[in-house]
Amino acid sequence: MRSLASVIRLHRWKVDEKRREVADLEAMAEALRQRLLDLEQEIEREREGADAQVVGFAYAAYVRAAIARRERFQRSIAEAETAVAGKRDELAEAFRELKKFEVAEARRLELAAEESARRERAASDETALNIHRRRE
């Protein structure tokens, strides 16, 4: 049954595509986490350099902007993690569909092998019976 093999191939492609999408989203989330870490380190460096009173006014404005950036990164990370979770669910569903067809194909092949063995036994039994009849 070639159509089942085609369906399995299609579902394998879908599973691979979902895996790529999950990997891409995870990479994006990791990049956002790294940018957030870099921002935190930058804030710490600026804090260490803001000892002088003259720099204090500029530092306050910088901190407000940095906090806003941090919040944007945190929102983006949360959105990316939500998207990753959604794609993982889609991947799991695609994998279940693939397994359903693979199990059906394996069962079909098993039944075909059993039928072939049954026919072979029947032919062998028939041959043995004919030989036995000729001897009598």
Foldseek 3Di string as FASTA:
>chain_A
DVVLVVVLVVLVVVLVVLVVVLVVLVVVLVVLVVVLVVLVVVLVVVVVVCPDPVCVVVNVVVVVVSVVVNVVSVVVSVVSVVVSVVSVVVSVVSVVVSVVSVVVVVVVVVVVVVVVVVVVVVVVVVVVVVVVVVVD
